[in-house]
Amino acid sequence: MIYGHFKYSFGIRRPKSTNPARYFPPTGQSRWPRYFIGRNWQNYTLNQKLAAEFVGTLFLLATIIGSGIMAERLASGN
């Protein structure tokens, strides 16, 4: 099992292994999944970066405005 596995997140003791190769990949292999490797902000166009920032900003504004509306309703005008 991998150390970050769900089974180990509830205080269950990790097995003591004398073979560290069970938990670590061989030399030269990455621990990151293949879809993360080679992706950085330099590979994206300006339009893609601006669209990502715009969508993120919209989600942030919706969250802030929604929390204000919810707080006002919970306070009932007090």
PDB file of N, CA and C in Angstrom:
ATOM      1  N   MET A   1       0.832  -1.193   0.000  1.00  0.00           N
ATOM      2  CA  MET A   1       0.000   0.000   0.000  1.00  0.00           C
ATOM      3  C   MET A   1       0.876   1.256   0.000  1.00  0.00           C
ATOM      4  N   ILE A   2       0.351   2.305  -0.545  1.00  0.00           N
ATOM      5  CA  ILE A   2       1.050   3.585  -0.605  1.00  0.00           C
ATOM      6  C   ILE A   2       0.737   4.351   0.676  1.00  0.00           C
ATOM      7  N   TYR A   3       1.676   5.129   1.182  1.00  0.00           N
ATOM      8  CA  TYR A   3       1.482   5.827   2.441  1.00  0.00           C
ATOM      9  C   TYR A   3       0.285   6.766   2.438  1.00  0.00           C
ATOM     10  N   GLY A   4      -0.019   7.399   1.329  1.00  0.00           N
ATOM     11  CA  GLY A   4      -1.127   8.337   1.287  1.00  0.00           C
ATOM     12  C   GLY A   4      -2.464   7.670   1.036  1.00  0.00           C
ATOM     13  N   HIS A   5      -2.517   6.372   1.121  1.00  0.00           N
ATOM     14  CA  HIS A   5      -3.742   5.637   0.803  1.00  0.00           C
ATOM     15  C   HIS A   5      -4.834   5.935   1.824  1.00  0.00           C
ATOM     16  N   PHE A   6      -6.071   5.890   1.399  1.00  0.00           N
ATOM     17  CA  PHE A   6      -7.232   6.196   2.237  1.00  0.00           C
ATOM     18  C   PHE A   6      -7.262   5.331   3.493  1.00  0.00           C
ATOM     19  N   LYS A   7      -6.885   4.080   3.383  1.00  0.00           N
ATOM     20  CA  LYS A   7      -6.936   3.152   4.506  1.00  0.00           C
ATOM     21  C   LYS A   7      -6.085   3.636   5.681  1.00  0.00           C
ATOM     22  N   TYR A   8      -5.008   4.367   5.395  1.00  0.00           N
ATOM     23  CA  TYR A   8      -4.102   4.791   6.447  1.00  0.00           C
ATOM     24  C   TYR A   8      -4.453   6.150   7.029  1.00  0.00           C
ATOM     25  N   SER A   9      -5.522   6.766   6.594  1.00  0.00           N
ATOM     26  CA  SER A   9      -5.816   8.113   7.063  1.00  0.00           C
ATOM     27  C   SER A   9      -6.653   8.128   8.328  1.00  0.00           C
ATOM     28  N   PHE A  10      -7.021   6.979   8.877  1.00  0.00           N
ATOM     29  CA  PHE A  10      -7.850   6.939  10.075  1.00  0.00           C
ATOM     30  C   PHE A  10      -7.108   6.371  11.273  1.00  0.00           C
ATOM     31  N   GLY A  11      -5.812   6.553  11.311  1.00  0.00           N
ATOM     32  CA  GLY A  11      -5.032   6.148  12.463  1.00  0.00           C
ATOM     33  C   GLY A  11      -4.663   4.675  12.484  1.00  0.00           C
ATOM     34  N   ILE A  12      -4.937   3.941  11.426  1.00  0.00           N
ATOM     35  CA  ILE A  12      -4.542   2.544  11.368  1.00  0.00           C
ATOM     36  C   ILE A  12      -3.036   2.507  11.138  1.00  0.00           C
ATOM     37  N   ARG A  13      -2.361   1.669  11.875  1.00  0.00           N
ATOM     38  CA  ARG A  13      -0.907   1.636  11.784  1.00  0.00           C
ATOM     39  C   ARG A  13      -0.452   1.140  10.425  1.00  0.00           C
ATOM     40  N   ARG A  14       0.600   1.741   9.958  1.00  0.00           N
ATOM     41  CA  ARG A  14       1.192   1.335   8.691  1.00  0.00           C
ATOM     42  C   ARG A  14       1.995   0.054   8.900  1.00  0.00           C
ATOM     43  N   PRO A  15       1.982  -0.831   7.933  1.00  0.00           N
ATOM     44  CA  PRO A  15       2.781  -2.052   8.081  1.00  0.00           C
ATOM     45  C   PRO A  15       4.270  -1.729   8.018  1.00  0.00           C
ATOM     46  N   LYS A  16       5.020  -2.406   8.844  1.00  0.00           N
ATOM     47  CA  LYS A  16       6.468  -2.228   8.810  1.00  0.00           C
ATOM     48  C   LYS A  16       7.028  -3.153   7.744  1.00  0.00           C
ATOM     49  N   SER A  17       7.641  -2.563   6.762  1.00  0.00           N
ATOM     50  CA  SER A  17       8.190  -3.355   5.671  1.00  0.00           C
ATOM     51  C   SER A  17       9.701  -3.229   5.673  1.00  0.00           C
ATOM     52  N   THR A  18      10.353  -4.326   5.453  1.00  0.00           N
ATOM     53  CA  THR A  18      11.809  -4.293   5.336  1.00  0.00           C
ATOM     54  C   THR A  18      12.225  -4.008   3.905  1.00  0.00           C
ATOM     55  N   ASN A  19      11.250  -3.957   2.998  1.00  0.00           N
ATOM     56  CA  ASN A  19      11.547  -3.732   1.591  1.00  0.00           C
ATOM     57  C   ASN A  19      11.006  -2.367   1.170  1.00  0.00           C
ATOM     58  N   PRO A  20      11.852  -1.320   1.158  1.00  0.00           N
ATOM     59  CA  PRO A  20      11.353   0.006   0.781  1.00  0.00           C
ATOM     60  C   PRO A  20      10.927   0.095  -0.674  1.00  0.00           C
ATOM     61  N   ALA A  21      11.335  -0.856  -1.510  1.00  0.00           N
ATOM     62  CA  ALA A  21      10.936  -0.835  -2.919  1.00  0.00           C
ATOM     63  C   ALA A  21       9.437  -1.048  -3.073  1.00  0.00           C
ATOM     64  N   ARG A  22       8.791  -1.569  -2.039  1.00  0.00           N
ATOM     65  CA  ARG A  22       7.341  -1.738  -2.082  1.00  0.00           C
ATOM     66  C   ARG A  22       6.629  -0.400  -2.116  1.00  0.00           C
ATOM     67  N   TYR A  23       7.236   0.619  -1.510  1.00  0.00           N
ATOM     68  CA  TYR A  23       6.581   1.908  -1.368  1.00  0.00           C
ATOM     69  C   TYR A  23       7.129   2.984  -2.293  1.00  0.00           C
ATOM     70  N   PHE A  24       8.296   2.798  -2.834  1.00  0.00           N
ATOM     71  CA  PHE A  24       8.911   3.820  -3.663  1.00  0.00           C
ATOM     72  C   PHE A  24       9.152   3.269  -5.064  1.00  0.00           C
ATOM     73  N   PRO A  25       8.928   4.088  -6.083  1.00  0.00           N
ATOM     74  CA  PRO A  25       9.157   3.608  -7.447  1.00  0.00           C
ATOM     75  C   PRO A  25      10.645   3.417  -7.713  1.00  0.00           C
ATOM     76  N   PRO A  26      10.983   2.583  -8.679  1.00  0.00           N
ATOM     77  CA  PRO A  26      12.400   2.404  -9.027  1.00  0.00           C
ATOM     78  C   PRO A  26      13.024   3.723  -9.482  1.00  0.00           C
ATOM     79  N   THR A  27      14.327   3.807  -9.405  1.00  0.00           N
ATOM     80  CA  THR A  27      15.035   5.017  -9.796  1.00  0.00           C
ATOM     81  C   THR A  27      14.719   5.360 -11.247  1.00  0.00           C
ATOM     82  N   GLY A  28      14.459   6.632 -11.485  1.00  0.00           N
ATOM     83  CA  GLY A  28      14.163   7.084 -12.833  1.00  0.00           C
ATOM     84  C   GLY A  28      12.676   7.186 -13.118  1.00  0.00           C
ATOM     85  N   GLN A  29      11.842   6.611 -12.278  1.00  0.00           N
ATOM     86  CA  GLN A  29      10.401   6.723 -12.476  1.00  0.00           C
ATOM     87  C   GLN A  29       9.853   7.811 -11.564  1.00  0.00           C
ATOM     88  N   SER A  30       8.852   8.476 -12.024  1.00  0.00           N
ATOM     89  CA  SER A  30       8.266   9.575 -11.275  1.00  0.00           C
ATOM     90  C   SER A  30       7.138   9.080 -10.386  1.00  0.00           C
ATOM     91  N   ARG A  31       6.916   9.775  -9.284  1.00  0.00           N
ATOM     92  CA  ARG A  31       5.775   9.476  -8.426  1.00  0.00           C
ATOM     93  C   ARG A  31       4.512  10.156  -8.929  1.00  0.00           C
ATOM     94  N   TRP A  32       4.653  11.112  -9.837  1.00  0.00           N
ATOM     95  CA  TRP A  32       3.504  11.847 -10.355  1.00  0.00           C
ATOM     96  C   TRP A  32       2.821  11.043 -11.444  1.00  0.00           C
ATOM     97  N   PRO A  33       1.498  11.106 -11.519  1.00  0.00           N
ATOM     98  CA  PRO A  33       0.801  10.459 -12.640  1.00  0.00           C
ATOM     99  C   PRO A  33       1.228  11.084 -13.964  1.00  0.00           C
ATOM    100  N   ARG A  34       1.084  10.337 -15.031  1.00  0.00           N
ATOM    101  CA  ARG A  34       1.552  10.808 -16.337  1.00  0.00           C
ATOM    102  C   ARG A  34       0.871  12.083 -16.793  1.00  0.00           C
ATOM    103  N   TYR A  35      -0.393  12.287 -16.413  1.00  0.00           N
ATOM    104  CA  TYR A  35      -1.087  13.477 -16.893  1.00  0.00           C
ATOM    105  C   TYR A  35      -0.612  14.748 -16.209  1.00  0.00           C
ATOM    106  N   PHE A  36       0.174  14.669 -15.131  1.00  0.00           N
ATOM    107  CA  PHE A  36       0.730  15.860 -14.504  1.00  0.00           C
ATOM    108  C   PHE A  36       2.098  16.222 -15.069  1.00  0.00           C
ATOM    109  N   ILE A  37       2.791  15.260 -15.622  1.00  0.00           N
ATOM    110  CA  ILE A  37       4.165  15.477 -16.063  1.00  0.00           C
ATOM    111  C   ILE A  37       4.181  16.338 -17.324  1.00  0.00           C
ATOM    112  N   GLY A  38       5.021  17.348 -17.337  1.00  0.00           N
ATOM    113  CA  GLY A  38       5.193  18.184 -18.513  1.00  0.00           C
ATOM    114  C   GLY A  38       4.168  19.289 -18.654  1.00  0.00           C
ATOM    115  N   ARG A  39       3.298  19.461 -17.678  1.00  0.00           N
ATOM    116  CA  ARG A  39       2.306  20.534 -17.774  1.00  0.00           C
ATOM    117  C   ARG A  39       2.762  21.695 -16.898  1.00  0.00           C
ATOM    118  N   ASN A  40       2.951  22.814 -17.509  1.00  0.00           N
ATOM    119  CA  ASN A  40       3.238  24.021 -16.763  1.00  0.00           C
ATOM    120  C   ASN A  40       2.607  25.189 -17.506  1.00  0.00           C
ATOM    121  N   TRP A  41       2.634  26.336 -16.897  1.00  0.00           N
ATOM    122  CA  TRP A  41       1.951  27.494 -17.483  1.00  0.00           C
ATOM    123  C   TRP A  41       2.615  27.984 -18.757  1.00  0.00           C
ATOM    124  N   GLN A  42       3.822  27.578 -19.028  1.00  0.00           N
ATOM    125  CA  GLN A  42       4.491  28.017 -20.246  1.00  0.00           C
ATOM    126  C   GLN A  42       3.930  27.326 -21.483  1.00  0.00           C
ATOM    127  N   ASN A  43       3.246  26.201 -21.309  1.00  0.00           N
ATOM    128  CA  ASN A  43       2.711  25.460 -22.444  1.00  0.00           C
ATOM    129  C   ASN A  43       1.344  25.967 -22.891  1.00  0.00           C
ATOM    130  N   TYR A  44       0.753  26.898 -22.186  1.00  0.00           N
ATOM    131  CA  TYR A  44      -0.582  27.385 -22.512  1.00  0.00           C
ATOM    132  C   TYR A  44      -0.504  28.733 -23.220  1.00  0.00           C
ATOM    133  N   THR A  45      -1.475  28.989 -24.092  1.00  0.00           N
ATOM    134  CA  THR A  45      -1.518  30.270 -24.791  1.00  0.00           C
ATOM    135  C   THR A  45      -2.075  31.337 -23.863  1.00  0.00           C
ATOM    136  N   LEU A  46      -1.924  32.580 -24.279  1.00  0.00           N
ATOM    137  CA  LEU A  46      -2.422  33.691 -23.480  1.00  0.00           C
ATOM    138  C   LEU A  46      -3.936  33.615 -23.328  1.00  0.00           C
ATOM    139  N   ASN A  47      -4.640  33.240 -24.390  1.00  0.00           N
ATOM    140  CA  ASN A  47      -6.098  33.133 -24.310  1.00  0.00           C
ATOM    141  C   ASN A  47      -6.533  32.064 -23.315  1.00  0.00           C
ATOM    142  N   GLN A  48      -5.828  30.950 -23.261  1.00  0.00           N
ATOM    143  CA  GLN A  48      -6.167  29.896 -22.307  1.00  0.00           C
ATOM    144  C   GLN A  48      -5.923  30.362 -20.875  1.00  0.00           C
ATOM    145  N   LYS A  49      -4.823  31.088 -20.667  1.00  0.00           N
ATOM    146  CA  LYS A  49      -4.528  31.604 -19.330  1.00  0.00           C
ATOM    147  C   LYS A  49      -5.582  32.613 -18.889  1.00  0.00           C
ATOM    148  N   LEU A  50      -5.957  33.522 -19.811  1.00  0.00           N
ATOM    149  CA  LEU A  50      -6.969  34.525 -19.475  1.00  0.00           C
ATOM    150  C   LEU A  50      -8.324  33.883 -19.204  1.00  0.00           C
ATOM    151  N   ALA A  51      -8.683  32.870 -19.971  1.00  0.00           N
ATOM    152  CA  ALA A  51      -9.954  32.176 -19.746  1.00  0.00           C
ATOM    153  C   ALA A  51      -9.954  31.482 -18.386  1.00  0.00           C
ATOM    154  N   ALA A  52      -8.840  30.866 -18.010  1.00  0.00           N
ATOM    155  CA  ALA A  52      -8.751  30.203 -16.709  1.00  0.00           C
ATOM    156  C   ALA A  52      -8.861  31.213 -15.572  1.00  0.00           C
ATOM    157  N   GLU A  53      -8.194  32.353 -15.696  1.00  0.00           N
ATOM    158  CA  GLU A  53      -8.291  33.397 -14.679  1.00  0.00           C
ATOM    159  C   GLU A  53      -9.713  33.942 -14.585  1.00  0.00           C
ATOM    160  N   PHE A  54     -10.364  34.119 -15.726  1.00  0.00           N
ATOM    161  CA  PHE A  54     -11.723  34.648 -15.759  1.00  0.00           C
ATOM    162  C   PHE A  54     -12.699  33.694 -15.071  1.00  0.00           C
ATOM    163  N   VAL A  55     -12.604  32.415 -15.388  1.00  0.00           N
ATOM    164  CA  VAL A  55     -13.500  31.427 -14.772  1.00  0.00           C
ATOM    165  C   VAL A  55     -13.245  31.345 -13.265  1.00  0.00           C
ATOM    166  N   GLY A  56     -11.991  31.347 -12.859  1.00  0.00           N
ATOM    167  CA  GLY A  56     -11.662  31.319 -11.436  1.00  0.00           C
ATOM    168  C   GLY A  56     -12.183  32.534 -10.701  1.00  0.00           C
ATOM    169  N   THR A  57     -12.064  33.705 -11.329  1.00  0.00           N
ATOM    170  CA  THR A  57     -12.576  34.933 -10.724  1.00  0.00           C
ATOM    171  C   THR A  57     -14.091  34.891 -10.607  1.00  0.00           C
ATOM    172  N   LEU A  58     -14.772  34.354 -11.620  1.00  0.00           N
ATOM    173  CA  LEU A  58     -16.232  34.231 -11.548  1.00  0.00           C
ATOM    174  C   LEU A  58     -16.661  33.328 -10.397  1.00  0.00           C
ATOM    175  N   PHE A  59     -15.975  32.203 -10.224  1.00  0.00           N
ATOM    176  CA  PHE A  59     -16.299  31.313  -9.110  1.00  0.00           C
ATOM    177  C   PHE A  59     -16.061  31.998  -7.768  1.00  0.00           C
ATOM    178  N   LEU A  60     -14.971  32.750  -7.654  1.00  0.00           N
ATOM    179  CA  LEU A  60     -14.677  33.459  -6.416  1.00  0.00           C
ATOM    180  C   LEU A  60     -15.745  34.498  -6.116  1.00  0.00           C
ATOM    181  N   LEU A  61     -16.125  35.283  -7.112  1.00  0.00           N
ATOM    182  CA  LEU A  61     -17.165  36.293  -6.906  1.00  0.00           C
ATOM    183  C   LEU A  61     -18.505  35.661  -6.559  1.00  0.00           C
ATOM    184  N   ALA A  62     -18.862  34.572  -7.220  1.00  0.00           N
ATOM    185  CA  ALA A  62     -20.122  33.896  -6.913  1.00  0.00           C
ATOM    186  C   ALA A  62     -20.129  33.379  -5.480  1.00  0.00           C
ATOM    187  N   THR A  63     -18.994  32.894  -5.021  1.00  0.00           N
ATOM    188  CA  THR A  63     -18.896  32.400  -3.651  1.00  0.00           C
ATOM    189  C   THR A  63     -19.032  33.532  -2.646  1.00  0.00           C
ATOM    190  N   ILE A  64     -18.351  34.644  -2.894  1.00  0.00           N
ATOM    191  CA  ILE A  64     -18.401  35.778  -1.968  1.00  0.00           C
ATOM    192  C   ILE A  64     -19.797  36.380  -1.923  1.00  0.00           C
ATOM    193  N   ILE A  65     -20.396  36.598  -3.083  1.00  0.00           N
ATOM    194  CA  ILE A  65     -21.741  37.183  -3.126  1.00  0.00           C
ATOM    195  C   ILE A  65     -22.750  36.219  -2.515  1.00  0.00           C
ATOM    196  N   GLY A  66     -22.627  34.934  -2.820  1.00  0.00           N
ATOM    197  CA  GLY A  66     -23.541  33.939  -2.256  1.00  0.00           C
ATOM    198  C   GLY A  66     -23.435  33.844  -0.751  1.00  0.00           C
ATOM    199  N   SER A  67     -22.224  33.943  -0.217  1.00  0.00           N
ATOM    200  CA  SER A  67     -22.076  33.880   1.236  1.00  0.00           C
ATOM    201  C   SER A  67     -22.660  35.118   1.897  1.00  0.00           C
ATOM    202  N   GLY A  68     -22.558  36.272   1.244  1.00  0.00           N
ATOM    203  CA  GLY A  68     -23.169  37.483   1.795  1.00  0.00           C
ATOM    204  C   GLY A  68     -24.680  37.392   1.816  1.00  0.00           C
ATOM    205  N   ILE A  69     -25.268  36.863   0.752  1.00  0.00           N
ATOM    206  CA  ILE A  69     -26.724  36.693   0.703  1.00  0.00           C
ATOM    207  C   ILE A  69     -27.173  35.702   1.771  1.00  0.00           C
ATOM    208  N   MET A  70     -26.440  34.615   1.921  1.00  0.00           N
ATOM    209  CA  MET A  70     -26.802  33.613   2.917  1.00  0.00           C
ATOM    210  C   MET A  70     -26.677  34.184   4.328  1.00  0.00           C
ATOM    211  N   ALA A  71     -25.638  34.966   4.592  1.00  0.00           N
ATOM    212  CA  ALA A  71     -25.465  35.563   5.915  1.00  0.00           C
ATOM    213  C   ALA A  71     -26.587  36.538   6.222  1.00  0.00           C
ATOM    214  N   GLU A  72     -27.008  37.300   5.222  1.00  0.00           N
ATOM    215  CA  GLU A  72     -28.100  38.245   5.435  1.00  0.00           C
ATOM    216  C   GLU A  72     -29.401  37.518   5.751  1.00  0.00           C
ATOM    217  N   ARG A  73     -29.667  36.431   5.071  1.00  0.00           N
ATOM    218  CA  ARG A  73     -30.890  35.662   5.333  1.00  0.00           C
ATOM    219  C   ARG A  73     -30.843  34.995   6.698  1.00  0.00           C
ATOM    220  N   LEU A  74     -29.682  34.498   7.096  1.00  0.00           N
ATOM    221  CA  LEU A  74     -29.568  33.859   8.408  1.00  0.00           C
ATOM    222  C   LEU A  74     -29.714  34.866   9.538  1.00  0.00           C
ATOM    223  N   ALA A  75     -29.239  36.090   9.324  1.00  0.00           N
ATOM    224  CA  ALA A  75     -29.338  37.120  10.361  1.00  0.00           C
ATOM    225  C   ALA A  75     -30.751  37.665  10.475  1.00  0.00           C
ATOM    226  N   SER A  76     -31.560  37.486   9.471  1.00  0.00           N
ATOM    227  CA  SER A  76     -32.958  37.957   9.452  1.00  0.00           C
ATOM    228  C   SER A  76     -33.078  39.444   9.743  1.00  0.00           C
ATOM    229  N   GLY A  77     -32.168  40.231   9.233  1.00  0.00           N
ATOM    230  CA  GLY A  77     -32.254  41.675   9.378  1.00  0.00           C
ATOM    231  C   GLY A  77     -31.740  42.213  10.701  1.00  0.00           C
ATOM    232  N   ASN A  78     -31.154  41.391  11.553  1.00  0.00           N
ATOM    233  CA  ASN A  78     -30.633  41.874  12.842  1.00  0.00           C
ATOM    234  C   ASN A  78     -29.282  42.517  12.658  1.00  0.00           C
TER     235      ASN A  78
END
